[in-house]
Amino acid sequence: MNISLMVLLPLLLFLIDTDIFNYRFSDVVKETYMENNFHYLNWFSKTTIIGWHKQLTTKKSIGIVVVWISILICYVYSYRLGLVISIFLSVIHVMLEFPLNMITVRSLFFNKNTRM
C-alpha cells in the first residue's frame, strides 16, 4: 500500500494541472510552509538524540548537496518535474523517518536519565 502511494502520488500530481496563482493553492502552500518549519525544528531534536551529526561524513554531505542541486535544476527545467520529484522524495523521507520517530519516542519515555 505505501509503495503504491509513493509511486502514484507524484504521478497524479504530474497529470493534474495545478494553478499556482489560485488563492486556495496559495493557502495550501502557506500551511505546508508552517508544517515544514515545525518539522525541521522537531527534526533537530531527533537528530541530536540519535547522534546523526556524528555519522555524517564528507561523502554523505556531498551526496546530499548533489541531490539538492539536481532538484533545483529540475525546477529550472520544468516546475512540474521539480515538484513531482520533490514530492516523491518527501514521501520517501516520511516513510523512512518512521523508525526514527519510534527511537525518539522510546528514548523520551524509557530513558532513565530523562525526568518526567
PDB file of N, CA and C in Angstrom:
ATOM      1  N   MET A   1       0.823  -1.192   0.000  1.00  0.00           N
ATOM      2  CA  MET A   1       0.000   0.000   0.000  1.00  0.00           C
ATOM      3  C   MET A   1       0.872   1.263   0.000  1.00  0.00           C
ATOM      4  N   ASN A   2       1.844   1.312   0.916  1.00  0.00           N
ATOM      5  CA  ASN A   2       2.694   2.501   0.994  1.00  0.00           C
ATOM      6  C   ASN A   2       3.510   2.697  -0.274  1.00  0.00           C
ATOM      7  N   ILE A   3       3.998   1.604  -0.828  1.00  0.00           N
ATOM      8  CA  ILE A   3       4.801   1.720  -2.050  1.00  0.00           C
ATOM      9  C   ILE A   3       3.942   2.231  -3.199  1.00  0.00           C
ATOM     10  N   SER A   4       2.697   1.745  -3.282  1.00  0.00           N
ATOM     11  CA  SER A   4       1.830   2.229  -4.361  1.00  0.00           C
ATOM     12  C   SER A   4       1.520   3.711  -4.186  1.00  0.00           C
ATOM     13  N   LEU A   5       1.336   4.164  -2.942  1.00  0.00           N
ATOM     14  CA  LEU A   5       1.105   5.594  -2.711  1.00  0.00           C
ATOM     15  C   LEU A   5       2.338   6.410  -3.078  1.00  0.00           C
ATOM     16  N   MET A   6       3.524   5.881  -2.764  1.00  0.00           N
ATOM     17  CA  MET A   6       4.753   6.603  -3.079  1.00  0.00           C
ATOM     18  C   MET A   6       4.922   6.767  -4.583  1.00  0.00           C
ATOM     19  N   VAL A   7       4.443   5.819  -5.345  1.00  0.00           N
ATOM     20  CA  VAL A   7       4.569   5.898  -6.800  1.00  0.00           C
ATOM     21  C   VAL A   7       3.422   6.689  -7.414  1.00  0.00           C
ATOM     22  N   LEU A   8       2.199   6.469  -6.927  1.00  0.00           N
ATOM     23  CA  LEU A   8       1.021   7.085  -7.546  1.00  0.00           C
ATOM     24  C   LEU A   8       0.880   8.574  -7.244  1.00  0.00           C
ATOM     25  N   LEU A   9       1.218   9.010  -6.029  1.00  0.00           N
ATOM     26  CA  LEU A   9       1.036  10.420  -5.676  1.00  0.00           C
ATOM     27  C   LEU A   9       1.801  11.355  -6.611  1.00  0.00           C
ATOM     28  N   PRO A  10       3.102  11.148  -6.825  1.00  0.00           N
ATOM     29  CA  PRO A  10       3.793  12.042  -7.766  1.00  0.00           C
ATOM     30  C   PRO A  10       3.248  11.951  -9.189  1.00  0.00           C
ATOM     31  N   LEU A  11       2.857  10.755  -9.617  1.00  0.00           N
ATOM     32  CA  LEU A  11       2.312  10.616 -10.970  1.00  0.00           C
ATOM     33  C   LEU A  11       1.001  11.373 -11.112  1.00  0.00           C
ATOM     34  N   LEU A  12       0.146  11.302 -10.090  1.00  0.00           N
ATOM     35  CA  LEU A  12      -1.116  12.042 -10.140  1.00  0.00           C
ATOM     36  C   LEU A  12      -0.861  13.543 -10.177  1.00  0.00           C
ATOM     37  N   LEU A  13       0.109  14.005  -9.387  1.00  0.00           N
ATOM     38  CA  LEU A  13       0.418  15.432  -9.388  1.00  0.00           C
ATOM     39  C   LEU A  13       0.990  15.870 -10.729  1.00  0.00           C
ATOM     40  N   PHE A  14       1.680  14.983 -11.394  1.00  0.00           N
ATOM     41  CA  PHE A  14       2.221  15.306 -12.709  1.00  0.00           C
ATOM     42  C   PHE A  14       1.099  15.458 -13.731  1.00  0.00           C
ATOM     43  N   LEU A  15       0.042  14.663 -13.569  1.00  0.00           N
ATOM     44  CA  LEU A  15      -1.065  14.696 -14.523  1.00  0.00           C
ATOM     45  C   LEU A  15      -2.089  15.790 -14.220  1.00  0.00           C
ATOM     46  N   ILE A  16      -2.190  16.188 -12.942  1.00  0.00           N
ATOM     47  CA  ILE A  16      -3.161  17.218 -12.565  1.00  0.00           C
ATOM     48  C   ILE A  16      -2.575  18.588 -12.894  1.00  0.00           C
ATOM     49  N   ASP A  17      -3.371  19.434 -13.496  1.00  0.00           N
ATOM     50  CA  ASP A  17      -2.923  20.782 -13.834  1.00  0.00           C
ATOM     51  C   ASP A  17      -3.116  21.673 -12.612  1.00  0.00           C
ATOM     52  N   THR A  18      -2.020  22.080 -11.969  1.00  0.00           N
ATOM     53  CA  THR A  18      -2.114  22.934 -10.787  1.00  0.00           C
ATOM     54  C   THR A  18      -2.014  24.389 -11.209  1.00  0.00           C
ATOM     55  N   ASP A  19      -2.919  25.178 -10.701  1.00  0.00           N
ATOM     56  CA  ASP A  19      -2.907  26.613 -10.970  1.00  0.00           C
ATOM     57  C   ASP A  19      -2.214  27.288  -9.791  1.00  0.00           C
ATOM     58  N   ILE A  20      -0.943  27.653  -9.944  1.00  0.00           N
ATOM     59  CA  ILE A  20      -0.181  28.180  -8.819  1.00  0.00           C
ATOM     60  C   ILE A  20      -0.621  29.579  -8.414  1.00  0.00           C
ATOM     61  N   PHE A  21      -1.442  30.232  -9.238  1.00  0.00           N
ATOM     62  CA  PHE A  21      -1.919  31.558  -8.889  1.00  0.00           C
ATOM     63  C   PHE A  21      -3.304  31.516  -8.258  1.00  0.00           C
ATOM     64  N   ASN A  22      -3.839  30.339  -8.080  1.00  0.00           N
ATOM     65  CA  ASN A  22      -5.137  30.163  -7.451  1.00  0.00           C
ATOM     66  C   ASN A  22      -5.004  30.477  -5.960  1.00  0.00           C
ATOM     67  N   TYR A  23      -5.993  31.162  -5.390  1.00  0.00           N
ATOM     68  CA  TYR A  23      -5.929  31.568  -3.985  1.00  0.00           C
ATOM     69  C   TYR A  23      -5.871  30.355  -3.064  1.00  0.00           C
ATOM     70  N   ARG A  24      -6.673  29.327  -3.329  1.00  0.00           N
ATOM     71  CA  ARG A  24      -6.684  28.141  -2.472  1.00  0.00           C
ATOM     72  C   ARG A  24      -5.324  27.444  -2.505  1.00  0.00           C
ATOM     73  N   PHE A  25      -4.707  27.399  -3.658  1.00  0.00           N
ATOM     74  CA  PHE A  25      -3.384  26.785  -3.742  1.00  0.00           C
ATOM     75  C   PHE A  25      -2.401  27.573  -2.883  1.00  0.00           C
ATOM     76  N   SER A  26      -2.550  28.892  -2.851  1.00  0.00           N
ATOM     77  CA  SER A  26      -1.696  29.730  -2.024  1.00  0.00           C
ATOM     78  C   SER A  26      -1.870  29.392  -0.545  1.00  0.00           C
ATOM     79  N   ASP A  27      -3.103  29.139  -0.112  1.00  0.00           N
ATOM     80  CA  ASP A  27      -3.347  28.747   1.276  1.00  0.00           C
ATOM     81  C   ASP A  27      -2.681  27.418   1.600  1.00  0.00           C
ATOM     82  N   VAL A  28      -2.732  26.510   0.668  1.00  0.00           N
ATOM     83  CA  VAL A  28      -2.096  25.206   0.867  1.00  0.00           C
ATOM     84  C   VAL A  28      -0.586  25.377   1.011  1.00  0.00           C
ATOM     85  N   VAL A  29      -0.009  26.242   0.207  1.00  0.00           N
ATOM     86  CA  VAL A  29       1.430  26.486   0.280  1.00  0.00           C
ATOM     87  C   VAL A  29       1.793  27.102   1.635  1.00  0.00           C
ATOM     88  N   LYS A  30       0.983  28.034   2.127  1.00  0.00           N
ATOM     89  CA  LYS A  30       1.242  28.649   3.439  1.00  0.00           C
ATOM     90  C   LYS A  30       1.184  27.607   4.550  1.00  0.00           C
ATOM     91  N   GLU A  31       0.190  26.741   4.496  1.00  0.00           N
ATOM     92  CA  GLU A  31       0.058  25.689   5.506  1.00  0.00           C
ATOM     93  C   GLU A  31       1.245  24.730   5.440  1.00  0.00           C
ATOM     94  N   THR A  32       1.640  24.382   4.244  1.00  0.00           N
ATOM     95  CA  THR A  32       2.785  23.487   4.072  1.00  0.00           C
ATOM     96  C   THR A  32       4.051  24.134   4.621  1.00  0.00           C
ATOM     97  N   TYR A  33       4.203  25.427   4.408  1.00  0.00           N
ATOM     98  CA  TYR A  33       5.359  26.156   4.923  1.00  0.00           C
ATOM     99  C   TYR A  33       5.415  26.066   6.444  1.00  0.00           C
ATOM    100  N   MET A  34       4.269  26.282   7.111  1.00  0.00           N
ATOM    101  CA  MET A  34       4.234  26.223   8.571  1.00  0.00           C
ATOM    102  C   MET A  34       4.535  24.802   9.065  1.00  0.00           C
ATOM    103  N   GLU A  35       3.977  23.810   8.401  1.00  0.00           N
ATOM    104  CA  GLU A  35       4.240  22.421   8.795  1.00  0.00           C
ATOM    105  C   GLU A  35       5.711  22.073   8.622  1.00  0.00           C
ATOM    106  N   ASN A  36       6.317  22.544   7.552  1.00  0.00           N
ATOM    107  CA  ASN A  36       7.735  22.267   7.335  1.00  0.00           C
ATOM    108  C   ASN A  36       8.600  22.931   8.391  1.00  0.00           C
ATOM    109  N   ASN A  37       8.250  24.150   8.796  1.00  0.00           N
ATOM    110  CA  ASN A  37       9.016  24.813   9.849  1.00  0.00           C
ATOM    111  C   ASN A  37       8.983  24.002  11.134  1.00  0.00           C
ATOM    112  N   PHE A  38       7.790  23.539  11.522  1.00  0.00           N
ATOM    113  CA  PHE A  38       7.679  22.713  12.722  1.00  0.00           C
ATOM    114  C   PHE A  38       8.465  21.419  12.548  1.00  0.00           C
ATOM    115  N   HIS A  39       8.346  20.827  11.377  1.00  0.00           N
ATOM    116  CA  HIS A  39       9.036  19.563  11.113  1.00  0.00           C
ATOM    117  C   HIS A  39      10.545  19.722  11.283  1.00  0.00           C
ATOM    118  N   TYR A  40      11.121  20.785  10.740  1.00  0.00           N
ATOM    119  CA  TYR A  40      12.563  20.950  10.826  1.00  0.00           C
ATOM    120  C   TYR A  40      13.012  21.258  12.246  1.00  0.00           C
ATOM    121  N   LEU A  41      12.229  22.016  12.996  1.00  0.00           N
ATOM    122  CA  LEU A  41      12.582  22.247  14.398  1.00  0.00           C
ATOM    123  C   LEU A  41      12.547  20.931  15.175  1.00  0.00           C
ATOM    124  N   ASN A  42      11.537  20.114  14.919  1.00  0.00           N
ATOM    125  CA  ASN A  42      11.429  18.807  15.555  1.00  0.00           C
ATOM    126  C   ASN A  42      12.564  17.891  15.095  1.00  0.00           C
ATOM    127  N   TRP A  43      12.942  18.017  13.845  1.00  0.00           N
ATOM    128  CA  TRP A  43      13.993  17.180  13.269  1.00  0.00           C
ATOM    129  C   TRP A  43      15.321  17.384  13.985  1.00  0.00           C
ATOM    130  N   PHE A  44      15.637  18.633  14.346  1.00  0.00           N
ATOM    131  CA  PHE A  44      16.895  18.898  15.037  1.00  0.00           C
ATOM    132  C   PHE A  44      16.961  18.157  16.365  1.00  0.00           C
ATOM    133  N   SER A  45      15.837  18.093  17.089  1.00  0.00           N
ATOM    134  CA  SER A  45      15.848  17.365  18.360  1.00  0.00           C
ATOM    135  C   SER A  45      16.040  15.870  18.129  1.00  0.00           C
ATOM    136  N   LYS A  46      15.433  15.326  17.079  1.00  0.00           N
ATOM    137  CA  LYS A  46      15.586  13.894  16.789  1.00  0.00           C
ATOM    138  C   LYS A  46      17.027  13.560  16.421  1.00  0.00           C
ATOM    139  N   THR A  47      17.630  14.371  15.583  1.00  0.00           N
ATOM    140  CA  THR A  47      18.990  14.062  15.144  1.00  0.00           C
ATOM    141  C   THR A  47      19.978  14.174  16.296  1.00  0.00           C
ATOM    142  N   THR A  48      19.702  15.044  17.251  1.00  0.00           N
ATOM    143  CA  THR A  48      20.565  15.155  18.419  1.00  0.00           C
ATOM    144  C   THR A  48      20.470  13.892  19.265  1.00  0.00           C
ATOM    145  N   ILE A  49      19.257  13.365  19.416  1.00  0.00           N
ATOM    146  CA  ILE A  49      19.056  12.164  20.231  1.00  0.00           C
ATOM    147  C   ILE A  49      19.786  10.968  19.637  1.00  0.00           C
ATOM    148  N   ILE A  50      19.708  10.777  18.333  1.00  0.00           N
ATOM    149  CA  ILE A  50      20.332   9.596  17.722  1.00  0.00           C
ATOM    150  C   ILE A  50      21.774   9.844  17.290  1.00  0.00           C
ATOM    151  N   GLY A  51      22.262  11.073  17.403  1.00  0.00           N
ATOM    152  CA  GLY A  51      23.644  11.378  17.049  1.00  0.00           C
ATOM    153  C   GLY A  51      23.921  11.341  15.557  1.00  0.00           C
ATOM    154  N   TRP A  52      22.947  11.769  14.759  1.00  0.00           N
ATOM    155  CA  TRP A  52      23.089  11.725  13.305  1.00  0.00           C
ATOM    156  C   TRP A  52      24.274  12.560  12.828  1.00  0.00           C
ATOM    157  N   HIS A  53      24.481  13.708  13.464  1.00  0.00           N
ATOM    158  CA  HIS A  53      25.564  14.595  13.034  1.00  0.00           C
ATOM    159  C   HIS A  53      26.942  13.951  13.218  1.00  0.00           C
ATOM    160  N   LYS A  54      27.047  12.992  14.129  1.00  0.00           N
ATOM    161  CA  LYS A  54      28.320  12.301  14.332  1.00  0.00           C
ATOM    162  C   LYS A  54      28.595  11.294  13.217  1.00  0.00           C
ATOM    163  N   GLN A  55      27.536  10.839  12.535  1.00  0.00           N
ATOM    164  CA  GLN A  55      27.684   9.840  11.473  1.00  0.00           C
ATOM    165  C   GLN A  55      27.788  10.473  10.086  1.00  0.00           C
ATOM    166  N   LEU A  56      27.649  11.780   9.995  1.00  0.00           N
ATOM    167  CA  LEU A  56      27.670  12.460   8.699  1.00  0.00           C
ATOM    168  C   LEU A  56      29.114  12.616   8.220  1.00  0.00           C
ATOM    169  N   THR A  57      29.409  11.993   7.091  1.00  0.00           N
ATOM    170  CA  THR A  57      30.753  12.069   6.521  1.00  0.00           C
ATOM    171  C   THR A  57      30.765  13.085   5.379  1.00  0.00           C
ATOM    172  N   THR A  58      31.950  13.388   4.898  1.00  0.00           N
ATOM    173  CA  THR A  58      32.082  14.303   3.766  1.00  0.00           C
ATOM    174  C   THR A  58      31.406  13.726   2.527  1.00  0.00           C
ATOM    175  N   LYS A  59      31.549  12.424   2.323  1.00  0.00           N
ATOM    176  CA  LYS A  59      30.941  11.766   1.163  1.00  0.00           C
ATOM    177  C   LYS A  59      29.414  11.884   1.217  1.00  0.00           C
ATOM    178  N   LYS A  60      28.822  11.660   2.390  1.00  0.00           N
ATOM    179  CA  LYS A  60      27.367  11.782   2.538  1.00  0.00           C
ATOM    180  C   LYS A  60      26.925  13.231   2.335  1.00  0.00           C
ATOM    181  N   SER A  61      27.712  14.168   2.855  1.00  0.00           N
ATOM    182  CA  SER A  61      27.379  15.588   2.693  1.00  0.00           C
ATOM    183  C   SER A  61      27.381  15.983   1.222  1.00  0.00           C
ATOM    184  N   ILE A  62      28.364  15.511   0.486  1.00  0.00           N
ATOM    185  CA  ILE A  62      28.429  15.806  -0.951  1.00  0.00           C
ATOM    186  C   ILE A  62      27.227  15.199  -1.661  1.00  0.00           C
ATOM    187  N   GLY A  63      26.843  13.983  -1.280  1.00  0.00           N
ATOM    188  CA  GLY A  63      25.664  13.341  -1.868  1.00  0.00           C
ATOM    189  C   GLY A  63      24.397  14.142  -1.637  1.00  0.00           C
ATOM    190  N   ILE A  64      24.233  14.667  -0.428  1.00  0.00           N
ATOM    191  CA  ILE A  64      23.062  15.482  -0.102  1.00  0.00           C
ATOM    192  C   ILE A  64      23.035  16.743  -0.961  1.00  0.00           C
ATOM    193  N   VAL A  65      24.177  17.401  -1.083  1.00  0.00           N
ATOM    194  CA  VAL A  65      24.255  18.630  -1.880  1.00  0.00           C
ATOM    195  C   VAL A  65      23.988  18.335  -3.359  1.00  0.00           C
ATOM    196  N   VAL A  66      24.490  17.216  -3.864  1.00  0.00           N
ATOM    197  CA  VAL A  66      24.260  16.848  -5.270  1.00  0.00           C
ATOM    198  C   VAL A  66      22.774  16.616  -5.524  1.00  0.00           C
ATOM    199  N   VAL A  67      22.103  15.908  -4.621  1.00  0.00           N
ATOM    200  CA  VAL A  67      20.658  15.678  -4.780  1.00  0.00           C
ATOM    201  C   VAL A  67      19.916  17.004  -4.754  1.00  0.00           C
ATOM    202  N   TRP A  68      20.276  17.888  -3.828  1.00  0.00           N
ATOM    203  CA  TRP A  68      19.606  19.185  -3.697  1.00  0.00           C
ATOM    204  C   TRP A  68      19.783  20.022  -4.971  1.00  0.00           C
ATOM    205  N   ILE A  69      20.998  20.083  -5.481  1.00  0.00           N
ATOM    206  CA  ILE A  69      21.250  20.854  -6.706  1.00  0.00           C
ATOM    207  C   ILE A  69      20.527  20.225  -7.894  1.00  0.00           C
ATOM    208  N   SER A  70      20.475  18.899  -7.942  1.00  0.00           N
ATOM    209  CA  SER A  70      19.752  18.217  -9.026  1.00  0.00           C
ATOM    210  C   SER A  70      18.271  18.585  -9.023  1.00  0.00           C
ATOM    211  N   ILE A  71      17.685  18.660  -7.837  1.00  0.00           N
ATOM    212  CA  ILE A  71      16.270  19.045  -7.748  1.00  0.00           C
ATOM    213  C   ILE A  71      16.088  20.492  -8.205  1.00  0.00           C
ATOM    214  N   LEU A  72      17.005  21.367  -7.823  1.00  0.00           N
ATOM    215  CA  LEU A  72      16.918  22.759  -8.277  1.00  0.00           C
ATOM    216  C   LEU A  72      16.997  22.844  -9.800  1.00  0.00           C
ATOM    217  N   ILE A  73      17.857  22.051 -10.398  1.00  0.00           N
ATOM    218  CA  ILE A  73      17.971  22.032 -11.860  1.00  0.00           C
ATOM    219  C   ILE A  73      16.669  21.540 -12.483  1.00  0.00           C
ATOM    220  N   CYS A  74      16.052  20.534 -11.866  1.00  0.00           N
ATOM    221  CA  CYS A  74      14.758  20.042 -12.373  1.00  0.00           C
ATOM    222  C   CYS A  74      13.703  21.140 -12.314  1.00  0.00           C
ATOM    223  N   TYR A  75      13.690  21.934 -11.232  1.00  0.00           N
ATOM    224  CA  TYR A  75      12.742  23.049 -11.136  1.00  0.00           C
ATOM    225  C   TYR A  75      12.993  24.081 -12.230  1.00  0.00           C
ATOM    226  N   VAL A  76      14.254  24.363 -12.514  1.00  0.00           N
ATOM    227  CA  VAL A  76      14.568  25.333 -13.566  1.00  0.00           C
ATOM    228  C   VAL A  76      14.115  24.800 -14.924  1.00  0.00           C
ATOM    229  N   TYR A  77      14.330  23.523 -15.164  1.00  0.00           N
ATOM    230  CA  TYR A  77      13.930  22.911 -16.434  1.00  0.00           C
ATOM    231  C   TYR A  77      12.410  22.879 -16.570  1.00  0.00           C
ATOM    232  N   SER A  78      11.734  22.400 -15.539  1.00  0.00           N
ATOM    233  CA  SER A  78      10.275  22.303 -15.563  1.00  0.00           C
ATOM    234  C   SER A  78       9.779  22.325 -14.127  1.00  0.00           C
ATOM    235  N   TYR A  79       8.952  23.309 -13.813  1.00  0.00           N
ATOM    236  CA  TYR A  79       8.417  23.411 -12.456  1.00  0.00           C
ATOM    237  C   TYR A  79       7.685  22.134 -12.072  1.00  0.00           C
ATOM    238  N   ARG A  80       6.904  21.608 -12.984  1.00  0.00           N
ATOM    239  CA  ARG A  80       6.124  20.395 -12.701  1.00  0.00           C
ATOM    240  C   ARG A  80       7.047  19.209 -12.410  1.00  0.00           C
ATOM    241  N   LEU A  81       8.103  19.047 -13.184  1.00  0.00           N
ATOM    242  CA  LEU A  81       9.051  17.956 -12.953  1.00  0.00           C
ATOM    243  C   LEU A  81       9.719  18.107 -11.586  1.00  0.00           C
ATOM    244  N   GLY A  82      10.147  19.318 -11.255  1.00  0.00           N
ATOM    245  CA  GLY A  82      10.755  19.560  -9.949  1.00  0.00           C
ATOM    246  C   GLY A  82       9.801  19.267  -8.809  1.00  0.00           C
ATOM    247  N   LEU A  83       8.535  19.654  -8.992  1.00  0.00           N
ATOM    248  CA  LEU A  83       7.530  19.409  -7.961  1.00  0.00           C
ATOM    249  C   LEU A  83       7.284  17.917  -7.772  1.00  0.00           C
ATOM    250  N   VAL A  84       7.165  17.192  -8.861  1.00  0.00           N
ATOM    251  CA  VAL A  84       6.921  15.743  -8.782  1.00  0.00           C
ATOM    252  C   VAL A  84       8.093  15.042  -8.092  1.00  0.00           C
ATOM    253  N   ILE A  85       9.306  15.386  -8.468  1.00  0.00           N
ATOM    254  CA  ILE A  85      10.476  14.752  -7.853  1.00  0.00           C
ATOM    255  C   ILE A  85      10.576  15.129  -6.379  1.00  0.00           C
ATOM    256  N   SER A  86      10.303  16.389  -6.047  1.00  0.00           N
ATOM    257  CA  SER A  86      10.354  16.819  -4.653  1.00  0.00           C
ATOM    258  C   SER A  86       9.326  16.089  -3.803  1.00  0.00           C
ATOM    259  N   ILE A  87       8.118  15.953  -4.312  1.00  0.00           N
ATOM    260  CA  ILE A  87       7.076  15.260  -3.549  1.00  0.00           C
ATOM    261  C   ILE A  87       7.418  13.781  -3.408  1.00  0.00           C
ATOM    262  N   PHE A  88       7.931  13.179  -4.459  1.00  0.00           N
ATOM    263  CA  PHE A  88       8.333  11.772  -4.384  1.00  0.00           C
ATOM    264  C   PHE A  88       9.397  11.580  -3.300  1.00  0.00           C
ATOM    265  N   LEU A  89      10.422  12.429  -3.290  1.00  0.00           N
ATOM    266  CA  LEU A  89      11.469  12.317  -2.278  1.00  0.00           C
ATOM    267  C   LEU A  89      10.935  12.635  -0.883  1.00  0.00           C
ATOM    268  N   SER A  90       9.976  13.555  -0.787  1.00  0.00           N
ATOM    269  CA  SER A  90       9.377  13.881   0.505  1.00  0.00           C
ATOM    270  C   SER A  90       8.611  12.699   1.080  1.00  0.00           C
ATOM    271  N   VAL A  91       7.863  12.010   0.229  1.00  0.00           N
ATOM    272  CA  VAL A  91       7.104  10.844   0.695  1.00  0.00           C
ATOM    273  C   VAL A  91       8.062   9.742   1.144  1.00  0.00           C
ATOM    274  N   ILE A  92       9.115   9.514   0.380  1.00  0.00           N
ATOM    275  CA  ILE A  92      10.112   8.518   0.786  1.00  0.00           C
ATOM    276  C   ILE A  92      10.742   8.925   2.118  1.00  0.00           C
ATOM    277  N   HIS A  93      11.042  10.202   2.272  1.00  0.00           N
ATOM    278  CA  HIS A  93      11.621  10.731   3.507  1.00  0.00           C
ATOM    279  C   HIS A  93      10.719  10.421   4.699  1.00  0.00           C
ATOM    280  N   VAL A  94       9.426  10.671   4.546  1.00  0.00           N
ATOM    281  CA  VAL A  94       8.483  10.427   5.640  1.00  0.00           C
ATOM    282  C   VAL A  94       8.422   8.940   5.971  1.00  0.00           C
ATOM    283  N   MET A  95       8.370   8.095   4.958  1.00  0.00           N
ATOM    284  CA  MET A  95       8.306   6.647   5.199  1.00  0.00           C
ATOM    285  C   MET A  95       9.564   6.151   5.918  1.00  0.00           C
ATOM    286  N   LEU A  96      10.708   6.667   5.533  1.00  0.00           N
ATOM    287  CA  LEU A  96      11.951   6.237   6.167  1.00  0.00           C
ATOM    288  C   LEU A  96      12.140   6.851   7.550  1.00  0.00           C
ATOM    289  N   GLU A  97      11.378   7.884   7.872  1.00  0.00           N
ATOM    290  CA  GLU A  97      11.518   8.550   9.160  1.00  0.00           C
ATOM    291  C   GLU A  97      10.744   7.853  10.279  1.00  0.00           C
ATOM    292  N   PHE A  98       9.806   6.979   9.943  1.00  0.00           N
ATOM    293  CA  PHE A  98       9.022   6.304  10.976  1.00  0.00           C
ATOM    294  C   PHE A  98       9.891   5.571  12.001  1.00  0.00           C
ATOM    295  N   PRO A  99      10.908   4.810  11.591  1.00  0.00           N
ATOM    296  CA  PRO A  99      11.752   4.166  12.613  1.00  0.00           C
ATOM    297  C   PRO A  99      12.455   5.182  13.513  1.00  0.00           C
ATOM    298  N   LEU A 100      12.866   6.313  12.949  1.00  0.00           N
ATOM    299  CA  LEU A 100      13.494   7.364  13.742  1.00  0.00           C
ATOM    300  C   LEU A 100      12.516   7.916  14.770  1.00  0.00           C
ATOM    301  N   ASN A 101      11.258   8.077  14.382  1.00  0.00           N
ATOM    302  CA  ASN A 101      10.249   8.548  15.326  1.00  0.00           C
ATOM    303  C   ASN A 101      10.094   7.572  16.485  1.00  0.00           C
ATOM    304  N   MET A 102      10.114   6.283  16.187  1.00  0.00           N
ATOM    305  CA  MET A 102       9.969   5.281  17.243  1.00  0.00           C
ATOM    306  C   MET A 102      11.155   5.318  18.203  1.00  0.00           C
ATOM    307  N   ILE A 103      12.354   5.494  17.677  1.00  0.00           N
ATOM    308  CA  ILE A 103      13.543   5.596  18.528  1.00  0.00           C
ATOM    309  C   ILE A 103      13.437   6.822  19.424  1.00  0.00           C
ATOM    310  N   THR A 104      12.966   7.935  18.860  1.00  0.00           N
ATOM    311  CA  THR A 104      12.828   9.165  19.633  1.00  0.00           C
ATOM    312  C   THR A 104      11.816   8.996  20.754  1.00  0.00           C
ATOM    313  N   VAL A 105      10.653   8.450  20.449  1.00  0.00           N
ATOM    314  CA  VAL A 105       9.611   8.260  21.467  1.00  0.00           C
ATOM    315  C   VAL A 105      10.115   7.313  22.548  1.00  0.00           C
ATOM    316  N   ARG A 106      10.740   6.224  22.152  1.00  0.00           N
ATOM    317  CA  ARG A 106      11.265   5.262  23.122  1.00  0.00           C
ATOM    318  C   ARG A 106      12.294   5.928  24.035  1.00  0.00           C
ATOM    319  N   SER A 107      13.171   6.756  23.472  1.00  0.00           N
ATOM    320  CA  SER A 107      14.197   7.397  24.292  1.00  0.00           C
ATOM    321  C   SER A 107      13.601   8.443  25.227  1.00  0.00           C
ATOM    322  N   LEU A 108      12.500   9.072  24.815  1.00  0.00           N
ATOM    323  CA  LEU A 108      11.870  10.067  25.680  1.00  0.00           C
ATOM    324  C   LEU A 108      11.172   9.433  26.874  1.00  0.00           C
ATOM    325  N   PHE A 109      10.511   8.305  26.653  1.00  0.00           N
ATOM    326  CA  PHE A 109       9.718   7.695  27.712  1.00  0.00           C
ATOM    327  C   PHE A 109      10.464   6.638  28.518  1.00  0.00           C
ATOM    328  N   PHE A 110      11.485   6.045  27.950  1.00  0.00           N
ATOM    329  CA  PHE A 110      12.127   4.931  28.629  1.00  0.00           C
ATOM    330  C   PHE A 110      13.586   5.178  28.973  1.00  0.00           C
ATOM    331  N   ASN A 111      14.079   6.374  28.752  1.00  0.00           N
ATOM    332  CA  ASN A 111      15.444   6.714  29.120  1.00  0.00           C
ATOM    333  C   ASN A 111      15.480   6.997  30.613  1.00  0.00           C
ATOM    334  N   LYS A 112      16.370   6.348  31.326  1.00  0.00           N
ATOM    335  CA  LYS A 112      16.426   6.502  32.784  1.00  0.00           C
ATOM    336  C   LYS A 112      16.938   7.873  33.200  1.00  0.00           C
ATOM    337  N   ASN A 113      17.641   8.562  32.307  1.00  0.00           N
ATOM    338  CA  ASN A 113      18.174   9.885  32.637  1.00  0.00           C
ATOM    339  C   ASN A 113      17.158  10.997  32.417  1.00  0.00           C
ATOM    340  N   THR A 114      16.022  10.692  31.789  1.00  0.00           N
ATOM    341  CA  THR A 114      15.012  11.700  31.497  1.00  0.00           C
ATOM    342  C   THR A 114      14.092  11.869  32.694  1.00  0.00           C
ATOM    343  N   ARG A 115      13.836  13.108  33.056  1.00  0.00           N
ATOM    344  CA  ARG A 115      12.905  13.391  34.153  1.00  0.00           C
ATOM    345  C   ARG A 115      11.548  13.730  33.581  1.00  0.00           C
ATOM    346  N   MET A 116      10.512  13.126  34.096  1.00  0.00           N
ATOM    347  CA  MET A 116       9.152  13.406  33.640  1.00  0.00           C
ATOM    348  C   MET A 116       8.375  14.057  34.751  1.00  0.00           C
TER     349      MET A 116
END
